[in-house]
Amino acid sequence: MNKKELAQKVADQVGITKIKAEQIIDATLNLITEELVNQKKVRLVGFGNFVVRTRAGRVGRNPQTGEQIKISSSKSPAFVPGFNLKKSVKGKRSI
């Protein structure tokens, strides 16, 4: 499912226009992104958490030359599924 299909399903389920549903989805995604940029966690109880993970810098090796190289630390967004989402996907609970 892509964003347009999601917006159509949200619009049908809630009884709003597809354009309004797209605006709501865009606003939600922008707010989640903004919180992650500010190093904050977004918790959606039962669904999951959006977090920023920091990977420590380390020393690696160039596979072609065997020379040691310094790999900088990095940050990346991650999603940690919640209990209810895990159960639903396993087929033990329907939404």
N, C-alpha and C. Protein backbone atom coordinates (compact mmCIF):
# COMPACT_ATOMS: atom_id res chain seq x y z
N MET A 1 0.85 -1.17 0.00
CA MET A 1 0.00 0.00 0.00
C MET A 1 0.90 1.23 0.00
N ASN A 2 0.58 2.17 -0.86
CA ASN A 2 1.33 3.43 -0.88
C ASN A 2 0.53 4.53 -0.15
N LYS A 3 1.08 5.73 -0.11
CA LYS A 3 0.45 6.80 0.66
C LYS A 3 -0.92 7.19 0.10
N LYS A 4 -1.06 7.20 -1.21
CA LYS A 4 -2.36 7.56 -1.81
C LYS A 4 -3.43 6.53 -1.45
N GLU A 5 -3.06 5.25 -1.49
CA GLU A 5 -4.01 4.20 -1.12
C GLU A 5 -4.37 4.27 0.36
N LEU A 6 -3.37 4.56 1.19
CA LEU A 6 -3.62 4.73 2.61
C LEU A 6 -4.58 5.89 2.86
N ALA A 7 -4.34 7.00 2.18
CA ALA A 7 -5.22 8.18 2.33
C ALA A 7 -6.65 7.84 1.93
N GLN A 8 -6.81 7.08 0.86
CA GLN A 8 -8.16 6.71 0.42
C GLN A 8 -8.85 5.84 1.46
N LYS A 9 -8.13 4.89 2.04
CA LYS A 9 -8.73 4.01 3.05
C LYS A 9 -9.06 4.79 4.32
N VAL A 10 -8.19 5.71 4.72
CA VAL A 10 -8.47 6.54 5.90
C VAL A 10 -9.70 7.40 5.62
N ALA A 11 -9.76 8.00 4.45
CA ALA A 11 -10.89 8.86 4.09
C ALA A 11 -12.20 8.07 4.13
N ASP A 12 -12.18 6.86 3.58
CA ASP A 12 -13.38 6.02 3.57
C ASP A 12 -13.79 5.62 4.98
N GLN A 13 -12.82 5.27 5.81
CA GLN A 13 -13.11 4.79 7.16
C GLN A 13 -13.61 5.91 8.08
N VAL A 14 -13.05 7.11 7.92
CA VAL A 14 -13.38 8.21 8.82
C VAL A 14 -14.51 9.08 8.27
N GLY A 15 -14.70 9.04 6.96
CA GLY A 15 -15.76 9.85 6.36
C GLY A 15 -15.32 11.26 6.02
N ILE A 16 -14.06 11.40 5.57
CA ILE A 16 -13.56 12.70 5.14
C ILE A 16 -13.08 12.58 3.70
N THR A 17 -12.68 13.70 3.12
CA THR A 17 -12.21 13.65 1.74
C THR A 17 -10.80 13.06 1.70
N LYS A 18 -10.44 12.55 0.52
CA LYS A 18 -9.11 11.98 0.34
C LYS A 18 -8.04 13.05 0.52
N ILE A 19 -8.30 14.25 0.05
CA ILE A 19 -7.34 15.35 0.18
C ILE A 19 -7.10 15.67 1.65
N LYS A 20 -8.16 15.71 2.44
CA LYS A 20 -8.03 15.99 3.87
C LYS A 20 -7.24 14.87 4.56
N ALA A 21 -7.51 13.63 4.18
CA ALA A 21 -6.79 12.49 4.75
C ALA A 21 -5.30 12.58 4.41
N GLU A 22 -4.97 12.97 3.18
CA GLU A 22 -3.56 13.13 2.78
C GLU A 22 -2.89 14.23 3.61
N GLN A 23 -3.61 15.32 3.86
CA GLN A 23 -3.06 16.40 4.67
C GLN A 23 -2.79 15.93 6.10
N ILE A 24 -3.68 15.14 6.64
CA ILE A 24 -3.51 14.61 8.00
C ILE A 24 -2.31 13.66 8.06
N ILE A 25 -2.20 12.79 7.07
CA ILE A 25 -1.07 11.85 7.02
C ILE A 25 0.24 12.62 6.89
N ASP A 26 0.28 13.60 5.99
CA ASP A 26 1.48 14.41 5.81
C ASP A 26 1.86 15.13 7.10
N ALA A 27 0.88 15.71 7.78
CA ALA A 27 1.14 16.42 9.02
C ALA A 27 1.67 15.47 10.09
N THR A 28 1.10 14.28 10.18
CA THR A 28 1.54 13.29 11.14
C THR A 28 2.99 12.88 10.88
N LEU A 29 3.30 12.58 9.63
CA LEU A 29 4.67 12.17 9.28
C LEU A 29 5.67 13.31 9.52
N ASN A 30 5.26 14.53 9.22
CA ASN A 30 6.14 15.68 9.45
C ASN A 30 6.42 15.87 10.94
N LEU A 31 5.40 15.71 11.77
CA LEU A 31 5.57 15.86 13.21
C LEU A 31 6.46 14.76 13.78
N ILE A 32 6.30 13.52 13.30
CA ILE A 32 7.16 12.43 13.75
C ILE A 32 8.61 12.72 13.36
N THR A 33 8.80 13.17 12.12
CA THR A 33 10.15 13.50 11.64
C THR A 33 10.77 14.61 12.49
N GLU A 34 9.99 15.63 12.77
CA GLU A 34 10.47 16.76 13.56
C GLU A 34 10.92 16.32 14.96
N GLU A 35 10.14 15.45 15.58
CA GLU A 35 10.49 14.96 16.91
C GLU A 35 11.78 14.13 16.86
N LEU A 36 11.92 13.30 15.84
CA LEU A 36 13.13 12.48 15.71
C LEU A 36 14.36 13.35 15.46
N VAL A 37 14.21 14.40 14.66
CA VAL A 37 15.31 15.33 14.41
C VAL A 37 15.76 15.97 15.73
N ASN A 38 14.81 16.21 16.62
CA ASN A 38 15.12 16.80 17.94
C ASN A 38 15.48 15.74 18.98
N GLN A 39 15.81 14.53 18.53
CA GLN A 39 16.25 13.44 19.40
C GLN A 39 15.19 13.00 20.40
N LYS A 40 13.93 13.13 20.06
CA LYS A 40 12.85 12.71 20.94
C LYS A 40 12.22 11.44 20.41
N LYS A 41 11.59 10.70 21.31
CA LYS A 41 10.91 9.46 20.96
C LYS A 41 9.43 9.76 20.73
N VAL A 42 8.82 9.07 19.76
CA VAL A 42 7.39 9.19 19.52
C VAL A 42 6.76 7.85 19.90
N ARG A 43 5.92 7.85 20.94
CA ARG A 43 5.29 6.62 21.43
C ARG A 43 3.83 6.58 21.02
N LEU A 44 3.45 5.53 20.33
CA LEU A 44 2.07 5.27 19.99
C LEU A 44 1.70 3.98 20.70
N VAL A 45 1.11 4.09 21.88
CA VAL A 45 0.86 2.95 22.75
C VAL A 45 0.09 1.86 22.00
N GLY A 46 0.60 0.65 22.09
CA GLY A 46 0.00 -0.49 21.42
C GLY A 46 0.48 -0.69 20.00
N PHE A 47 0.91 0.39 19.35
CA PHE A 47 1.38 0.31 17.97
C PHE A 47 2.90 0.20 17.92
N GLY A 48 3.59 1.15 18.57
CA GLY A 48 5.05 1.10 18.59
C GLY A 48 5.67 2.44 18.87
N ASN A 49 7.00 2.46 18.83
CA ASN A 49 7.77 3.66 19.11
C ASN A 49 8.69 3.98 17.94
N PHE A 50 8.77 5.25 17.62
CA PHE A 50 9.74 5.74 16.66
C PHE A 50 10.88 6.34 17.48
N VAL A 51 12.10 5.90 17.24
CA VAL A 51 13.25 6.34 18.02
C VAL A 51 14.43 6.64 17.09
N VAL A 52 15.42 7.33 17.64
CA VAL A 52 16.67 7.56 16.92
C VAL A 52 17.72 6.70 17.60
N ARG A 53 18.39 5.89 16.82
CA ARG A 53 19.46 5.05 17.35
C ARG A 53 20.80 5.64 16.94
N THR A 54 21.72 5.65 17.88
CA THR A 54 23.06 6.15 17.61
C THR A 54 24.02 4.97 17.56
N ARG A 55 24.74 4.90 16.48
CA ARG A 55 25.75 3.85 16.33
C ARG A 55 27.12 4.47 16.61
N ALA A 56 27.85 3.88 17.51
CA ALA A 56 29.15 4.42 17.91
C ALA A 56 30.15 4.35 16.76
N GLY A 57 31.09 5.28 16.78
CA GLY A 57 32.17 5.24 15.81
C GLY A 57 33.07 4.05 16.09
N ARG A 58 33.77 3.59 15.09
CA ARG A 58 34.62 2.43 15.27
C ARG A 58 35.73 2.43 14.22
N VAL A 59 36.64 1.52 14.38
CA VAL A 59 37.72 1.36 13.41
C VAL A 59 37.37 0.16 12.54
N GLY A 60 37.42 0.36 11.23
CA GLY A 60 37.15 -0.72 10.29
C GLY A 60 38.34 -0.93 9.39
N ARG A 61 38.17 -1.79 8.42
CA ARG A 61 39.24 -2.05 7.47
C ARG A 61 38.73 -1.92 6.05
N ASN A 62 39.55 -1.33 5.21
CA ASN A 62 39.25 -1.26 3.78
C ASN A 62 39.43 -2.68 3.24
N PRO A 63 38.37 -3.29 2.67
CA PRO A 63 38.48 -4.67 2.23
C PRO A 63 39.48 -4.88 1.08
N GLN A 64 39.75 -3.85 0.30
CA GLN A 64 40.68 -3.99 -0.82
C GLN A 64 42.13 -3.91 -0.39
N THR A 65 42.42 -3.00 0.55
CA THR A 65 43.82 -2.78 0.93
C THR A 65 44.16 -3.31 2.32
N GLY A 66 43.14 -3.56 3.14
CA GLY A 66 43.37 -4.00 4.50
C GLY A 66 43.75 -2.86 5.43
N GLU A 67 43.80 -1.63 4.90
CA GLU A 67 44.15 -0.46 5.68
C GLU A 67 43.04 -0.13 6.68
N GLN A 68 43.45 0.28 7.89
CA GLN A 68 42.47 0.67 8.89
C GLN A 68 41.87 2.02 8.52
N ILE A 69 40.56 2.13 8.71
CA ILE A 69 39.87 3.39 8.47
C ILE A 69 38.98 3.69 9.67
N LYS A 70 38.76 4.97 9.92
CA LYS A 70 37.88 5.37 11.02
C LYS A 70 36.47 5.53 10.46
N ILE A 71 35.52 4.84 11.07
CA ILE A 71 34.11 4.95 10.69
C ILE A 71 33.44 5.83 11.74
N SER A 72 32.88 6.94 11.31
CA SER A 72 32.26 7.91 12.22
C SER A 72 30.98 7.35 12.83
N SER A 73 30.62 7.92 13.97
CA SER A 73 29.34 7.55 14.57
C SER A 73 28.22 8.07 13.68
N SER A 74 27.05 7.42 13.78
CA SER A 74 25.93 7.84 12.94
C SER A 74 24.62 7.66 13.70
N LYS A 75 23.62 8.35 13.22
CA LYS A 75 22.28 8.26 13.80
C LYS A 75 21.33 7.80 12.71
N SER A 76 20.35 6.98 13.09
CA SER A 76 19.35 6.56 12.12
C SER A 76 18.02 6.34 12.82
N PRO A 77 16.93 6.60 12.11
CA PRO A 77 15.61 6.38 12.71
C PRO A 77 15.31 4.89 12.76
N ALA A 78 14.52 4.50 13.77
CA ALA A 78 14.14 3.10 13.91
C ALA A 78 12.71 3.04 14.43
N PHE A 79 12.06 1.93 14.13
CA PHE A 79 10.71 1.70 14.64
C PHE A 79 10.75 0.44 15.48
N VAL A 80 10.21 0.54 16.69
CA VAL A 80 10.13 -0.61 17.59
C VAL A 80 8.65 -0.96 17.72
N PRO A 81 8.22 -2.10 17.18
CA PRO A 81 6.79 -2.43 17.23
C PRO A 81 6.31 -2.66 18.65
N GLY A 82 5.06 -2.28 18.90
CA GLY A 82 4.45 -2.47 20.20
C GLY A 82 3.85 -3.86 20.35
N PHE A 83 3.45 -4.18 21.55
CA PHE A 83 2.91 -5.50 21.88
C PHE A 83 1.69 -5.86 21.04
N ASN A 84 0.73 -4.95 20.94
CA ASN A 84 -0.49 -5.24 20.19
C ASN A 84 -0.21 -5.45 18.70
N LEU A 85 0.69 -4.67 18.14
CA LEU A 85 1.05 -4.83 16.73
C LEU A 85 1.71 -6.19 16.51
N LYS A 86 2.60 -6.57 17.39
CA LYS A 86 3.26 -7.88 17.27
C LYS A 86 2.24 -9.01 17.30
N LYS A 87 1.31 -8.92 18.26
CA LYS A 87 0.29 -9.96 18.38
C LYS A 87 -0.59 -10.02 17.13
N SER A 88 -0.96 -8.87 16.58
CA SER A 88 -1.80 -8.82 15.39
C SER A 88 -1.11 -9.46 14.20
N VAL A 89 0.17 -9.15 14.02
CA VAL A 89 0.92 -9.69 12.88
C VAL A 89 1.10 -11.20 13.02
N LYS A 90 1.25 -11.67 14.26
CA LYS A 90 1.38 -13.11 14.48
C LYS A 90 0.06 -13.85 14.31
N GLY A 91 -1.04 -13.09 14.19
CA GLY A 91 -2.34 -13.71 13.99
C GLY A 91 -3.06 -14.09 15.27
N LYS A 92 -2.59 -13.59 16.39
CA LYS A 92 -3.20 -13.93 17.67
C LYS A 92 -4.26 -12.94 18.10
N ARG A 93 -4.36 -11.84 17.38
CA ARG A 93 -5.34 -10.81 17.75
C ARG A 93 -5.69 -10.04 16.49
N SER A 94 -6.96 -9.77 16.31
CA SER A 94 -7.36 -8.96 15.17
C SER A 94 -7.57 -7.53 15.61
N ILE A 95 -7.42 -6.62 14.67
CA ILE A 95 -7.55 -5.20 14.97
C ILE A 95 -9.01 -4.80 14.97
